[in-house]
Structure formats: C-alpha cells, structure tokens
Amino acid sequence: MNDLLLILAVLMGPILAVQTQKLLESMKAKKNRKVEIFKTLMATRGTILDPRHVTALNLIDLEFTTKKAKEKKVVDSWKLYLEHLNSLKIDYNDPNYSAKFAIRAEKTNDLLSDLLYNMSQLLGYGFDKVHLMKGSYTPMVRSDYEVEQNYIRKGIVRILSGHQPVPINIINNIPKSNVRTDNKKVEKKDVPESKSPSKKRKGK
C-alpha cells in the first residue's frame, strides 16, 4: 500500500505542481488586470472625459465580482457612480447652469473618490479619501478646454437638429470710411510711350 501511494505521489507530483503554477499565474493575471484598471482611473481622475477613463470604468463589471465582500464594495460604488453619470441632464441655456454644473462636479468627484478608495483598499494601496479627492493635478487649460468643447458640440447639435436658430447680429453703425460710394472699377489706362525726338547730326 505504501509503495502504491509512493508511486502515485511520484506520478501526480509534477501534474499537481503544474496545475498549482497555472492557478497562481491565473490569480496573478486577474490581480494585474484589476491594478491596471485602478491605475488608469487614478491617472485620469482629473479628466473623466478621457477615453481611457471611460474604458477602465466599463471594465469594472468584467474584472470585479460581487461574490467577494471587498470586490462587492467596488462593484456597488461603481453602480452608484454609473447611476449618477447616466442621470446627468443639464440645459446649457439654463441661467443657473454654472451653479448646477458646480454641484454636479462636486457630486461626481465624491462618487469617483469612493470608487477609487474601495479599489485601493482591495488592491493594497494606502490612499485616503481626502488624497483621492484633492491629490490629482489637471491643468486649468485642459479642464476649460473639455468644458468648452462639450458646450460647442452640444450647441452645434441643437442648431443642426433645428432646436435652436443660428444667432445673427445686425450691425447698423458702420463707419463711412469702410463703405464704397460707387461701383466703378478702377482700370489702368494705357499710356502711350513718349519717344524723345532723335537729333540728326549736322555734317561739317
């Protein structure tokens, strides 16, 4: 019996070792994908319109599961953030647009910070919520560019869809110096070439 167990151990040892190695590699690959999502969200948390940010958010459902308690916190915080993003409808013609946009931006930042905090706790990063909210750097020019680009895009769409007329300003007080009083074309007249009379040499 002992000899049989010894033979089985010898035969099964390499197989078990290979399977264990594959299991460890699979677990490491899963964690690396989670870490990559977290790093992308951290790098783009100041520019949430960045395509990389959007892609990383959409990968959360694929890489995180609700079967584990810590991962469930990530998924739940992502659902709250997603619901908030999908419910945002702001009228750019609203006179209170600036105030509503500020409230929206603050709420967005809070929910994104909660998501990143739960991810950092799961993956072993020691970030606190204050750092996640205040620690990102985004040039003001880049932020203004994204807001203005979105505003221009929506304005063009409203004009092309017929929901808004093209704004036209009529200027009445035009300086007279800039207005032509006639429609005559100035043409260059041909000027005959003047030939100086040739002097004849007088014979001696």
N, C-alpha and C. Protein backbone atom coordinates (compact mmCIF):
# COMPACT_ATOMS: atom_id res chain seq x y z
N MET A 1 0.83 -1.20 0.00
CA MET A 1 0.00 0.00 0.00
C MET A 1 0.88 1.27 0.00
N ASN A 2 1.91 1.21 0.84
CA ASN A 2 2.81 2.36 0.88
C ASN A 2 3.52 2.57 -0.45
N ASP A 3 3.86 1.43 -1.06
CA ASP A 3 4.53 1.53 -2.36
C ASP A 3 3.60 2.15 -3.40
N LEU A 4 2.32 1.80 -3.34
CA LEU A 4 1.34 2.35 -4.29
C LEU A 4 1.18 3.85 -4.10
N LEU A 5 1.11 4.29 -2.84
CA LEU A 5 1.00 5.73 -2.56
C LEU A 5 2.23 6.48 -3.01
N LEU A 6 3.38 5.84 -2.83
CA LEU A 6 4.62 6.47 -3.26
C LEU A 6 4.67 6.63 -4.77
N ILE A 7 4.19 5.59 -5.47
CA ILE A 7 4.16 5.65 -6.93
C ILE A 7 3.19 6.74 -7.40
N LEU A 8 2.01 6.81 -6.74
CA LEU A 8 1.02 7.84 -7.11
C LEU A 8 1.56 9.25 -6.84
N ALA A 9 2.29 9.39 -5.73
CA ALA A 9 2.85 10.69 -5.41
C ALA A 9 3.88 11.12 -6.45
N VAL A 10 4.70 10.14 -6.87
CA VAL A 10 5.71 10.43 -7.89
C VAL A 10 5.06 10.83 -9.21
N LEU A 11 3.96 10.10 -9.55
CA LEU A 11 3.29 10.37 -10.83
C LEU A 11 2.49 11.67 -10.77
N MET A 12 1.81 11.91 -9.64
CA MET A 12 0.93 13.07 -9.54
C MET A 12 1.68 14.35 -9.16
N GLY A 13 2.87 14.21 -8.60
CA GLY A 13 3.62 15.38 -8.16
C GLY A 13 3.82 16.43 -9.24
N PRO A 14 4.39 16.05 -10.39
CA PRO A 14 4.58 17.04 -11.47
C PRO A 14 3.28 17.64 -11.97
N ILE A 15 2.24 16.80 -12.04
CA ILE A 15 0.95 17.30 -12.52
C ILE A 15 0.39 18.33 -11.56
N LEU A 16 0.42 18.01 -10.25
CA LEU A 16 -0.07 18.95 -9.25
C LEU A 16 0.76 20.23 -9.24
N ALA A 17 2.07 20.08 -9.43
CA ALA A 17 2.94 21.25 -9.45
C ALA A 17 2.59 22.17 -10.63
N VAL A 18 2.34 21.57 -11.78
CA VAL A 18 1.98 22.35 -12.97
C VAL A 18 0.64 23.04 -12.78
N GLN A 19 -0.35 22.31 -12.23
CA GLN A 19 -1.68 22.88 -12.01
C GLN A 19 -1.63 24.01 -10.99
N THR A 20 -0.81 23.81 -9.95
CA THR A 20 -0.65 24.86 -8.93
C THR A 20 -0.01 26.10 -9.53
N GLN A 21 0.98 25.90 -10.38
CA GLN A 21 1.63 27.02 -11.04
C GLN A 21 0.66 27.78 -11.93
N LYS A 22 -0.16 27.04 -12.66
CA LYS A 22 -1.16 27.67 -13.53
C LYS A 22 -2.18 28.45 -12.71
N LEU A 23 -2.57 27.89 -11.57
CA LEU A 23 -3.53 28.58 -10.71
C LEU A 23 -2.95 29.88 -10.18
N LEU A 24 -1.69 29.84 -9.75
CA LEU A 24 -1.03 31.04 -9.24
C LEU A 24 -0.89 32.11 -10.33
N GLU A 25 -0.55 31.67 -11.53
CA GLU A 25 -0.40 32.61 -12.65
C GLU A 25 -1.75 33.24 -13.00
N SER A 26 -2.81 32.45 -12.95
CA SER A 26 -4.14 32.97 -13.24
C SER A 26 -4.56 34.00 -12.21
N MET A 27 -4.31 33.72 -10.93
CA MET A 27 -4.64 34.67 -9.86
C MET A 27 -3.84 35.96 -10.00
N LYS A 28 -2.57 35.82 -10.36
CA LYS A 28 -1.72 37.00 -10.55
C LYS A 28 -2.19 37.83 -11.73
N ALA A 29 -2.60 37.17 -12.82
CA ALA A 29 -3.08 37.89 -14.00
C ALA A 29 -4.37 38.65 -13.69
N LYS A 30 -5.25 38.04 -12.90
CA LYS A 30 -6.51 38.70 -12.53
C LYS A 30 -6.23 39.94 -11.69
N LYS A 31 -5.30 39.82 -10.75
CA LYS A 31 -4.97 40.98 -9.93
C LYS A 31 -4.32 42.07 -10.76
N ASN A 32 -3.46 41.69 -11.68
CA ASN A 32 -2.79 42.68 -12.53
C ASN A 32 -3.80 43.46 -13.37
N ARG A 33 -4.85 42.78 -13.84
CA ARG A 33 -5.87 43.48 -14.62
C ARG A 33 -6.64 44.46 -13.75
N LYS A 34 -6.90 44.08 -12.52
CA LYS A 34 -7.57 44.99 -11.58
C LYS A 34 -6.68 46.19 -11.28
N VAL A 35 -5.40 45.92 -11.06
CA VAL A 35 -4.45 47.01 -10.78
C VAL A 35 -4.36 47.97 -11.97
N GLU A 36 -4.37 47.42 -13.18
CA GLU A 36 -4.29 48.26 -14.37
C GLU A 36 -5.51 49.17 -14.49
N ILE A 37 -6.69 48.64 -14.18
CA ILE A 37 -7.90 49.47 -14.17
C ILE A 37 -7.78 50.58 -13.14
N PHE A 38 -7.31 50.23 -11.95
CA PHE A 38 -7.15 51.22 -10.88
C PHE A 38 -6.15 52.30 -11.28
N LYS A 39 -5.02 51.91 -11.84
CA LYS A 39 -4.00 52.88 -12.24
C LYS A 39 -4.53 53.83 -13.32
N THR A 40 -5.29 53.29 -14.26
CA THR A 40 -5.85 54.13 -15.32
C THR A 40 -6.83 55.14 -14.76
N LEU A 41 -7.69 54.70 -13.84
CA LEU A 41 -8.66 55.61 -13.22
C LEU A 41 -7.96 56.66 -12.38
N MET A 42 -6.88 56.27 -11.70
CA MET A 42 -6.13 57.24 -10.90
C MET A 42 -5.46 58.27 -11.79
N ALA A 43 -4.91 57.83 -12.91
CA ALA A 43 -4.19 58.74 -13.81
C ALA A 43 -5.13 59.70 -14.52
N THR A 44 -6.38 59.31 -14.69
CA THR A 44 -7.33 60.13 -15.46
C THR A 44 -8.47 60.67 -14.60
N ARG A 45 -8.33 60.62 -13.27
CA ARG A 45 -9.45 61.05 -12.42
C ARG A 45 -9.72 62.54 -12.51
N GLY A 46 -8.75 63.29 -13.03
CA GLY A 46 -8.97 64.72 -13.24
C GLY A 46 -9.56 65.05 -14.60
N THR A 47 -9.61 64.06 -15.50
CA THR A 47 -10.16 64.25 -16.85
C THR A 47 -11.08 63.07 -17.16
N ILE A 48 -12.27 63.11 -16.60
CA ILE A 48 -13.18 61.96 -16.69
C ILE A 48 -13.76 61.76 -18.09
N LEU A 49 -13.54 62.72 -18.98
CA LEU A 49 -13.98 62.55 -20.37
C LEU A 49 -12.94 61.84 -21.22
N ASP A 50 -11.79 61.57 -20.64
CA ASP A 50 -10.73 60.87 -21.35
C ASP A 50 -11.21 59.47 -21.74
N PRO A 51 -11.04 59.06 -23.00
CA PRO A 51 -11.48 57.72 -23.43
C PRO A 51 -10.90 56.59 -22.59
N ARG A 52 -9.67 56.76 -22.09
CA ARG A 52 -9.06 55.73 -21.25
C ARG A 52 -9.82 55.58 -19.94
N HIS A 53 -10.31 56.69 -19.41
CA HIS A 53 -11.08 56.66 -18.18
C HIS A 53 -12.40 55.91 -18.39
N VAL A 54 -13.06 56.21 -19.48
CA VAL A 54 -14.34 55.56 -19.79
C VAL A 54 -14.14 54.06 -20.00
N THR A 55 -13.09 53.69 -20.72
CA THR A 55 -12.81 52.27 -20.96
C THR A 55 -12.55 51.53 -19.65
N ALA A 56 -11.77 52.13 -18.77
CA ALA A 56 -11.46 51.50 -17.49
C ALA A 56 -12.73 51.30 -16.66
N LEU A 57 -13.61 52.27 -16.66
CA LEU A 57 -14.87 52.13 -15.92
C LEU A 57 -15.70 50.96 -16.45
N ASN A 58 -15.75 50.84 -17.76
CA ASN A 58 -16.56 49.78 -18.35
C ASN A 58 -15.97 48.39 -18.16
N LEU A 59 -14.70 48.32 -17.74
CA LEU A 59 -14.07 47.03 -17.48
C LEU A 59 -14.28 46.54 -16.05
N ILE A 60 -14.84 47.39 -15.20
CA ILE A 60 -15.04 47.01 -13.79
C ILE A 60 -15.95 45.79 -13.67
N ASP A 61 -17.06 45.80 -14.40
CA ASP A 61 -18.01 44.67 -14.33
C ASP A 61 -17.37 43.38 -14.82
N LEU A 62 -16.37 43.49 -15.66
CA LEU A 62 -15.73 42.29 -16.21
C LEU A 62 -14.70 41.70 -15.25
N GLU A 63 -13.99 42.55 -14.50
CA GLU A 63 -12.88 42.09 -13.69
C GLU A 63 -13.18 41.98 -12.19
N PHE A 64 -14.25 42.62 -11.73
CA PHE A 64 -14.61 42.56 -10.31
C PHE A 64 -15.93 41.81 -10.14
N THR A 65 -16.02 41.07 -9.05
CA THR A 65 -17.19 40.22 -8.82
C THR A 65 -17.88 40.61 -7.51
N THR A 66 -19.16 40.29 -7.41
CA THR A 66 -19.91 40.56 -6.19
C THR A 66 -19.86 39.37 -5.22
N LYS A 67 -19.17 38.31 -5.59
CA LYS A 67 -19.10 37.11 -4.74
C LYS A 67 -18.14 37.28 -3.57
N LYS A 68 -17.22 38.25 -3.68
CA LYS A 68 -16.28 38.52 -2.60
C LYS A 68 -16.62 39.87 -1.98
N ALA A 69 -16.54 39.94 -0.65
CA ALA A 69 -17.01 41.11 0.07
C ALA A 69 -16.31 42.40 -0.37
N LYS A 70 -14.97 42.39 -0.43
CA LYS A 70 -14.22 43.59 -0.80
C LYS A 70 -14.47 43.99 -2.25
N GLU A 71 -14.57 43.01 -3.12
CA GLU A 71 -14.85 43.32 -4.53
C GLU A 71 -16.29 43.81 -4.70
N LYS A 72 -17.19 43.32 -3.86
CA LYS A 72 -18.59 43.77 -3.93
C LYS A 72 -18.69 45.26 -3.60
N LYS A 73 -17.85 45.74 -2.69
CA LYS A 73 -17.84 47.17 -2.37
C LYS A 73 -17.46 47.99 -3.60
N VAL A 74 -16.51 47.47 -4.37
CA VAL A 74 -16.09 48.15 -5.60
C VAL A 74 -17.24 48.19 -6.61
N VAL A 75 -17.88 47.06 -6.80
CA VAL A 75 -18.98 46.97 -7.77
C VAL A 75 -20.15 47.86 -7.35
N ASP A 76 -20.47 47.86 -6.05
CA ASP A 76 -21.58 48.69 -5.55
C ASP A 76 -21.29 50.18 -5.72
N SER A 77 -20.06 50.59 -5.42
CA SER A 77 -19.70 52.00 -5.58
C SER A 77 -19.68 52.39 -7.05
N TRP A 78 -19.30 51.46 -7.92
CA TRP A 78 -19.33 51.71 -9.36
C TRP A 78 -20.77 51.88 -9.85
N LYS A 79 -21.70 51.09 -9.32
CA LYS A 79 -23.11 51.21 -9.72
C LYS A 79 -23.68 52.57 -9.33
N LEU A 80 -23.33 53.04 -8.14
CA LEU A 80 -23.79 54.37 -7.71
C LEU A 80 -23.22 55.46 -8.60
N TYR A 81 -21.96 55.34 -8.93
CA TYR A 81 -21.30 56.32 -9.81
C TYR A 81 -21.91 56.28 -11.21
N LEU A 82 -22.17 55.09 -11.71
CA LEU A 82 -22.76 54.94 -13.04
C LEU A 82 -24.16 55.54 -13.09
N GLU A 83 -24.95 55.28 -12.04
CA GLU A 83 -26.31 55.84 -11.99
C GLU A 83 -26.27 57.36 -12.00
N HIS A 84 -25.31 57.92 -11.27
CA HIS A 84 -25.16 59.37 -11.23
C HIS A 84 -24.78 59.92 -12.61
N LEU A 85 -23.84 59.27 -13.28
CA LEU A 85 -23.40 59.75 -14.60
C LEU A 85 -24.52 59.67 -15.63
N ASN A 86 -25.31 58.62 -15.57
CA ASN A 86 -26.39 58.46 -16.55
C ASN A 86 -27.59 59.35 -16.28
N SER A 87 -27.68 59.90 -15.09
CA SER A 87 -28.83 60.75 -14.74
C SER A 87 -28.54 62.23 -14.93
N LEU A 88 -27.35 62.56 -15.39
CA LEU A 88 -26.98 63.96 -15.54
C LEU A 88 -27.56 64.54 -16.83
N LYS A 89 -28.49 65.48 -16.66
CA LYS A 89 -29.07 66.17 -17.81
C LYS A 89 -29.15 67.65 -17.46
N ILE A 90 -28.26 68.42 -18.07
CA ILE A 90 -28.19 69.84 -17.77
C ILE A 90 -28.48 70.64 -19.03
N ASP A 91 -29.36 71.62 -18.90
CA ASP A 91 -29.69 72.50 -20.01
C ASP A 91 -28.67 73.64 -20.07
N TYR A 92 -27.94 73.70 -21.16
CA TYR A 92 -26.89 74.72 -21.28
C TYR A 92 -27.47 76.13 -21.41
N ASN A 93 -28.76 76.22 -21.72
CA ASN A 93 -29.41 77.53 -21.80
C ASN A 93 -30.01 77.96 -20.47
N ASP A 94 -29.91 77.10 -19.47
CA ASP A 94 -30.42 77.41 -18.14
C ASP A 94 -29.59 78.53 -17.53
N PRO A 95 -30.24 79.60 -17.04
CA PRO A 95 -29.47 80.70 -16.42
C PRO A 95 -28.70 80.27 -15.19
N ASN A 96 -29.12 79.17 -14.54
CA ASN A 96 -28.43 78.64 -13.36
C ASN A 96 -27.47 77.52 -13.73
N TYR A 97 -27.04 77.51 -14.97
CA TYR A 97 -26.18 76.42 -15.45
C TYR A 97 -24.89 76.31 -14.63
N SER A 98 -24.23 77.42 -14.36
CA SER A 98 -22.94 77.40 -13.67
C SER A 98 -23.07 76.81 -12.27
N ALA A 99 -24.13 77.20 -11.56
CA ALA A 99 -24.32 76.69 -10.20
C ALA A 99 -24.61 75.19 -10.22
N LYS A 100 -25.46 74.77 -11.17
CA LYS A 100 -25.80 73.34 -11.27
C LYS A 100 -24.59 72.53 -11.69
N PHE A 101 -23.76 73.09 -12.56
CA PHE A 101 -22.57 72.39 -13.00
C PHE A 101 -21.60 72.19 -11.84
N ALA A 102 -21.48 73.20 -10.97
CA ALA A 102 -20.59 73.09 -9.81
C ALA A 102 -21.07 71.99 -8.86
N ILE A 103 -22.38 71.92 -8.63
CA ILE A 103 -22.94 70.88 -7.76
C ILE A 103 -22.72 69.51 -8.38
N ARG A 104 -22.94 69.43 -9.68
CA ARG A 104 -22.73 68.16 -10.39
C ARG A 104 -21.28 67.71 -10.29
N ALA A 105 -20.35 68.63 -10.49
CA ALA A 105 -18.92 68.28 -10.46
C ALA A 105 -18.51 67.79 -9.07
N GLU A 106 -19.03 68.43 -8.03
CA GLU A 106 -18.69 68.01 -6.66
C GLU A 106 -19.23 66.61 -6.35
N LYS A 107 -20.46 66.34 -6.77
CA LYS A 107 -21.04 65.02 -6.56
C LYS A 107 -20.29 63.95 -7.35
N THR A 108 -19.92 64.28 -8.57
CA THR A 108 -19.15 63.35 -9.39
C THR A 108 -17.82 63.01 -8.74
N ASN A 109 -17.16 64.03 -8.22
CA ASN A 109 -15.86 63.83 -7.57
C ASN A 109 -15.99 62.96 -6.32
N ASP A 110 -17.07 63.16 -5.56
CA ASP A 110 -17.29 62.38 -4.34
C ASP A 110 -17.49 60.90 -4.67
N LEU A 111 -18.33 60.61 -5.65
CA LEU A 111 -18.62 59.22 -6.00
C LEU A 111 -17.42 58.52 -6.62
N LEU A 112 -16.66 59.26 -7.43
CA LEU A 112 -15.45 58.69 -8.02
C LEU A 112 -14.41 58.40 -6.94
N SER A 113 -14.31 59.28 -5.95
CA SER A 113 -13.37 59.07 -4.86
C SER A 113 -13.75 57.84 -4.04
N ASP A 114 -15.05 57.63 -3.82
CA ASP A 114 -15.50 56.43 -3.11
C ASP A 114 -15.11 55.17 -3.87
N LEU A 115 -15.29 55.21 -5.18
CA LEU A 115 -14.94 54.06 -6.01
C LEU A 115 -13.44 53.77 -5.94
N LEU A 116 -12.63 54.81 -6.09
CA LEU A 116 -11.17 54.62 -6.05
C LEU A 116 -10.70 54.18 -4.66
N TYR A 117 -11.36 54.68 -3.63
CA TYR A 117 -10.97 54.29 -2.27
C TYR A 117 -11.21 52.80 -2.05
N ASN A 118 -12.38 52.29 -2.46
CA ASN A 118 -12.68 50.87 -2.30
C ASN A 118 -11.73 50.00 -3.12
N MET A 119 -11.37 50.48 -4.29
CA MET A 119 -10.42 49.74 -5.11
C MET A 119 -9.03 49.73 -4.47
N SER A 120 -8.63 50.86 -3.90
CA SER A 120 -7.30 50.94 -3.28
C SER A 120 -7.22 50.03 -2.06
N GLN A 121 -8.30 49.93 -1.30
CA GLN A 121 -8.32 49.04 -0.14
C GLN A 121 -8.23 47.58 -0.56
N LEU A 122 -8.89 47.24 -1.65
CA LEU A 122 -8.86 45.87 -2.15
C LEU A 122 -7.48 45.49 -2.66
N LEU A 123 -6.82 46.42 -3.35
CA LEU A 123 -5.56 46.11 -4.02
C LEU A 123 -4.33 46.41 -3.17
N GLY A 124 -4.53 46.89 -1.94
CA GLY A 124 -3.41 47.08 -1.04
C GLY A 124 -2.73 48.43 -1.13
N TYR A 125 -3.40 49.45 -1.66
CA TYR A 125 -2.83 50.80 -1.71
C TYR A 125 -3.34 51.60 -0.51
N GLY A 126 -2.47 52.37 0.08
CA GLY A 126 -2.84 53.10 1.30
C GLY A 126 -3.33 54.51 1.07
N PHE A 127 -4.25 54.70 0.15
CA PHE A 127 -4.77 56.04 -0.12
C PHE A 127 -5.97 56.33 0.78
N ASP A 128 -6.09 57.60 1.21
CA ASP A 128 -7.29 58.02 1.93
C ASP A 128 -8.17 58.83 0.99
N LYS A 129 -9.42 59.05 1.39
CA LYS A 129 -10.38 59.71 0.51
C LYS A 129 -10.01 61.17 0.23
N VAL A 130 -9.42 61.83 1.21
CA VAL A 130 -9.03 63.24 1.01
C VAL A 130 -7.97 63.35 -0.08
N HIS A 131 -7.01 62.45 -0.05
CA HIS A 131 -5.96 62.47 -1.07
C HIS A 131 -6.54 62.14 -2.46
N LEU A 132 -7.46 61.21 -2.49
CA LEU A 132 -8.06 60.83 -3.76
C LEU A 132 -8.88 61.97 -4.36
N MET A 133 -9.50 62.79 -3.49
CA MET A 133 -10.32 63.90 -3.96
C MET A 133 -9.49 65.11 -4.35
N LYS A 134 -8.42 65.37 -3.57
CA LYS A 134 -7.66 66.62 -3.75
C LYS A 134 -6.29 66.41 -4.39
N GLY A 135 -5.86 65.17 -4.53
CA GLY A 135 -4.48 64.92 -4.92
C GLY A 135 -4.19 64.87 -6.40
N SER A 136 -5.20 65.01 -7.24
CA SER A 136 -4.95 64.93 -8.69
C SER A 136 -4.58 66.30 -9.24
N TYR A 137 -3.81 66.28 -10.32
CA TYR A 137 -3.41 67.53 -10.98
C TYR A 137 -3.94 67.54 -12.41
N THR A 138 -4.67 68.59 -12.72
CA THR A 138 -5.17 68.78 -14.08
C THR A 138 -4.98 70.25 -14.45
N PRO A 139 -4.23 70.55 -15.51
CA PRO A 139 -4.07 71.95 -15.92
C PRO A 139 -5.42 72.61 -16.16
N MET A 140 -5.56 73.85 -15.70
CA MET A 140 -6.83 74.56 -15.85
C MET A 140 -7.20 74.70 -17.32
N VAL A 141 -6.20 74.85 -18.18
CA VAL A 141 -6.48 74.99 -19.61
C VAL A 141 -7.14 73.72 -20.15
N ARG A 142 -6.66 72.56 -19.71
CA ARG A 142 -7.23 71.29 -20.16
C ARG A 142 -8.67 71.15 -19.69
N SER A 143 -8.92 71.52 -18.43
CA SER A 143 -10.27 71.42 -17.89
C SER A 143 -11.22 72.35 -18.63
N ASP A 144 -10.80 73.61 -18.84
CA ASP A 144 -11.64 74.56 -19.57
C ASP A 144 -11.87 74.09 -21.00
N TYR A 145 -10.85 73.49 -21.61
CA TYR A 145 -10.97 73.01 -22.99
C TYR A 145 -12.06 71.94 -23.10
N GLU A 146 -12.09 71.01 -22.16
CA GLU A 146 -13.09 69.95 -22.21
C GLU A 146 -14.50 70.50 -22.03
N VAL A 147 -14.65 71.44 -21.09
CA VAL A 147 -15.98 72.03 -20.86
C VAL A 147 -16.43 72.82 -22.08
N GLU A 148 -15.54 73.63 -22.64
CA GLU A 148 -15.90 74.45 -23.79
C GLU A 148 -16.17 73.58 -25.02
N GLN A 149 -15.38 72.53 -25.21
CA GLN A 149 -15.58 71.64 -26.34
C GLN A 149 -16.95 70.96 -26.27
N ASN A 150 -17.31 70.53 -25.07
CA ASN A 150 -18.62 69.90 -24.88
C ASN A 150 -19.74 70.90 -25.12
N TYR A 151 -19.55 72.15 -24.67
CA TYR A 151 -20.56 73.19 -24.86
C TYR A 151 -20.74 73.50 -26.35
N ILE A 152 -19.63 73.62 -27.08
CA ILE A 152 -19.69 73.89 -28.52
C ILE A 152 -20.35 72.74 -29.27
N ARG A 153 -20.01 71.52 -28.91
CA ARG A 153 -20.58 70.35 -29.58
C ARG A 153 -22.09 70.30 -29.41
N LYS A 154 -22.55 70.53 -28.18
CA LYS A 154 -23.99 70.50 -27.94
C LYS A 154 -24.70 71.64 -28.66
N GLY A 155 -24.05 72.81 -28.74
CA GLY A 155 -24.65 73.93 -29.45
C GLY A 155 -24.81 73.65 -30.94
N ILE A 156 -23.79 73.04 -31.54
CA ILE A 156 -23.86 72.70 -32.97
C ILE A 156 -24.95 71.66 -33.23
N VAL A 157 -25.05 70.69 -32.34
CA VAL A 157 -26.08 69.66 -32.49
C VAL A 157 -27.47 70.27 -32.42
N ARG A 158 -27.69 71.21 -31.50
CA ARG A 158 -29.01 71.86 -31.37
C ARG A 158 -29.34 72.67 -32.62
N ILE A 159 -28.33 73.31 -33.21
CA ILE A 159 -28.56 74.10 -34.42
C ILE A 159 -28.88 73.19 -35.60
N LEU A 160 -28.08 72.13 -35.78
CA LEU A 160 -28.29 71.22 -36.91
C LEU A 160 -29.59 70.42 -36.79
N SER A 161 -30.04 70.18 -35.56
CA SER A 161 -31.29 69.43 -35.37
C SER A 161 -32.51 70.32 -35.42
N GLY A 162 -32.31 71.64 -35.56
CA GLY A 162 -33.43 72.55 -35.68
C GLY A 162 -34.02 73.02 -34.36
N HIS A 163 -33.40 72.68 -33.23
CA HIS A 163 -33.92 73.09 -31.93
C HIS A 163 -33.46 74.49 -31.54
N GLN A 164 -32.52 75.04 -32.28
CA GLN A 164 -32.02 76.37 -31.95
C GLN A 164 -31.63 77.08 -33.24
N PRO A 165 -32.07 78.33 -33.43
CA PRO A 165 -31.70 79.07 -34.65
C PRO A 165 -30.26 79.54 -34.60
N VAL A 166 -29.74 79.85 -35.77
CA VAL A 166 -28.39 80.39 -35.84
C VAL A 166 -28.42 81.85 -35.40
N PRO A 167 -27.68 82.23 -34.39
CA PRO A 167 -27.69 83.63 -33.92
C PRO A 167 -27.04 84.55 -34.95
N ILE A 168 -27.75 85.63 -35.27
CA ILE A 168 -27.24 86.61 -36.25
C ILE A 168 -27.34 88.01 -35.63
N ASN A 169 -26.27 88.76 -35.67
CA ASN A 169 -26.25 90.13 -35.18
C ASN A 169 -26.15 91.09 -36.36
N ILE A 170 -27.07 92.06 -36.40
CA ILE A 170 -27.08 93.07 -37.47
C ILE A 170 -26.40 94.34 -36.95
N ILE A 171 -25.39 94.79 -37.67
CA ILE A 171 -24.65 95.99 -37.28
C ILE A 171 -25.11 97.15 -38.15
N ASN A 172 -25.63 98.19 -37.52
CA ASN A 172 -26.14 99.35 -38.28
C ASN A 172 -25.13 100.47 -38.39
N ASN A 173 -24.37 100.67 -37.39
CA ASN A 173 -23.43 101.80 -37.38
C ASN A 173 -22.09 101.37 -37.98
N ILE A 174 -22.02 101.41 -39.30
CA ILE A 174 -20.78 101.08 -39.98
C ILE A 174 -20.06 102.37 -40.35
N PRO A 175 -18.82 102.50 -40.03
CA PRO A 175 -18.07 103.72 -40.39
C PRO A 175 -18.13 103.98 -41.89
N LYS A 176 -18.35 105.26 -42.26
CA LYS A 176 -18.47 105.60 -43.68
C LYS A 176 -17.19 105.36 -44.45
N SER A 177 -16.09 105.42 -43.78
CA SER A 177 -14.82 105.22 -44.45
C SER A 177 -14.68 103.81 -44.99
N ASN A 178 -15.47 102.87 -44.45
CA ASN A 178 -15.39 101.49 -44.89
C ASN A 178 -16.43 101.13 -45.95
N VAL A 179 -17.25 102.14 -46.36
CA VAL A 179 -18.32 101.87 -47.32
C VAL A 179 -17.97 102.50 -48.65
N ARG A 180 -18.07 101.76 -49.75
CA ARG A 180 -17.83 102.30 -51.10
C ARG A 180 -19.06 103.06 -51.56
N THR A 181 -18.86 104.21 -52.14
CA THR A 181 -19.98 105.03 -52.61
C THR A 181 -20.31 104.77 -54.07
N ASP A 182 -19.46 104.07 -54.78
CA ASP A 182 -19.75 103.74 -56.17
C ASP A 182 -19.24 102.34 -56.47
N ASN A 183 -19.67 101.85 -57.59
CA ASN A 183 -19.29 100.51 -58.02
C ASN A 183 -18.34 100.53 -59.21
N LYS A 184 -17.72 101.69 -59.44
CA LYS A 184 -16.84 101.80 -60.59
C LYS A 184 -15.55 101.05 -60.34
N LYS A 185 -15.10 100.44 -61.37
CA LYS A 185 -13.83 99.73 -61.29
C LYS A 185 -12.71 100.64 -61.74
N VAL A 186 -11.67 100.63 -61.01
CA VAL A 186 -10.51 101.44 -61.36
C VAL A 186 -9.65 100.64 -62.32
N GLU A 187 -9.51 101.14 -63.50
CA GLU A 187 -8.73 100.44 -64.50
C GLU A 187 -7.50 101.27 -64.85
N LYS A 188 -6.44 100.62 -65.15
CA LYS A 188 -5.21 101.29 -65.53
C LYS A 188 -5.24 101.57 -67.03
N LYS A 189 -5.22 102.84 -67.39
CA LYS A 189 -5.27 103.21 -68.80
C LYS A 189 -3.89 103.06 -69.42
N ASP A 190 -3.95 102.69 -70.70
CA ASP A 190 -2.68 102.54 -71.41
C ASP A 190 -2.10 103.92 -71.68
N VAL A 191 -0.92 104.13 -71.29
CA VAL A 191 -0.26 105.41 -71.52
C VAL A 191 0.73 105.24 -72.68
N PRO A 192 0.57 106.03 -73.78
CA PRO A 192 1.48 105.87 -74.91
C PRO A 192 2.90 106.22 -74.51
N GLU A 193 3.76 105.43 -75.01
CA GLU A 193 5.15 105.66 -74.70
C GLU A 193 5.64 106.94 -75.37
N SER A 194 6.31 107.76 -74.63
CA SER A 194 6.83 109.02 -75.17
C SER A 194 8.23 108.78 -75.72
N LYS A 195 8.37 109.17 -76.99
CA LYS A 195 9.67 108.97 -77.63
C LYS A 195 10.33 110.33 -77.78
N SER A 196 11.52 110.43 -77.34
CA SER A 196 12.25 111.70 -77.49
C SER A 196 12.73 111.84 -78.93
N PRO A 197 12.54 113.04 -79.55
CA PRO A 197 12.93 113.21 -80.96
C PRO A 197 14.43 112.98 -81.14
N SER A 198 14.70 112.21 -82.16
CA SER A 198 16.11 111.91 -82.42
C SER A 198 16.79 113.11 -83.06
N LYS A 199 17.93 113.44 -82.62
CA LYS A 199 18.67 114.56 -83.17
C LYS A 199 19.56 114.09 -84.30
N LYS A 200 19.42 114.81 -85.45
CA LYS A 200 20.29 114.49 -86.59
C LYS A 200 21.62 115.18 -86.44
N ARG A 201 22.59 114.42 -86.78
CA ARG A 201 23.92 115.02 -86.74
C ARG A 201 24.11 115.93 -87.95
N LYS A 202 24.60 117.09 -87.66
CA LYS A 202 24.88 118.00 -88.75
C LYS A 202 26.23 117.71 -89.34
N GLY A 203 26.22 117.70 -90.65
CA GLY A 203 27.51 117.47 -91.33
C GLY A 203 28.40 118.66 -91.25
N LYS A 204 29.66 118.46 -91.25
CA LYS A 204 30.58 119.57 -91.21
C LYS A 204 30.68 120.20 -92.54
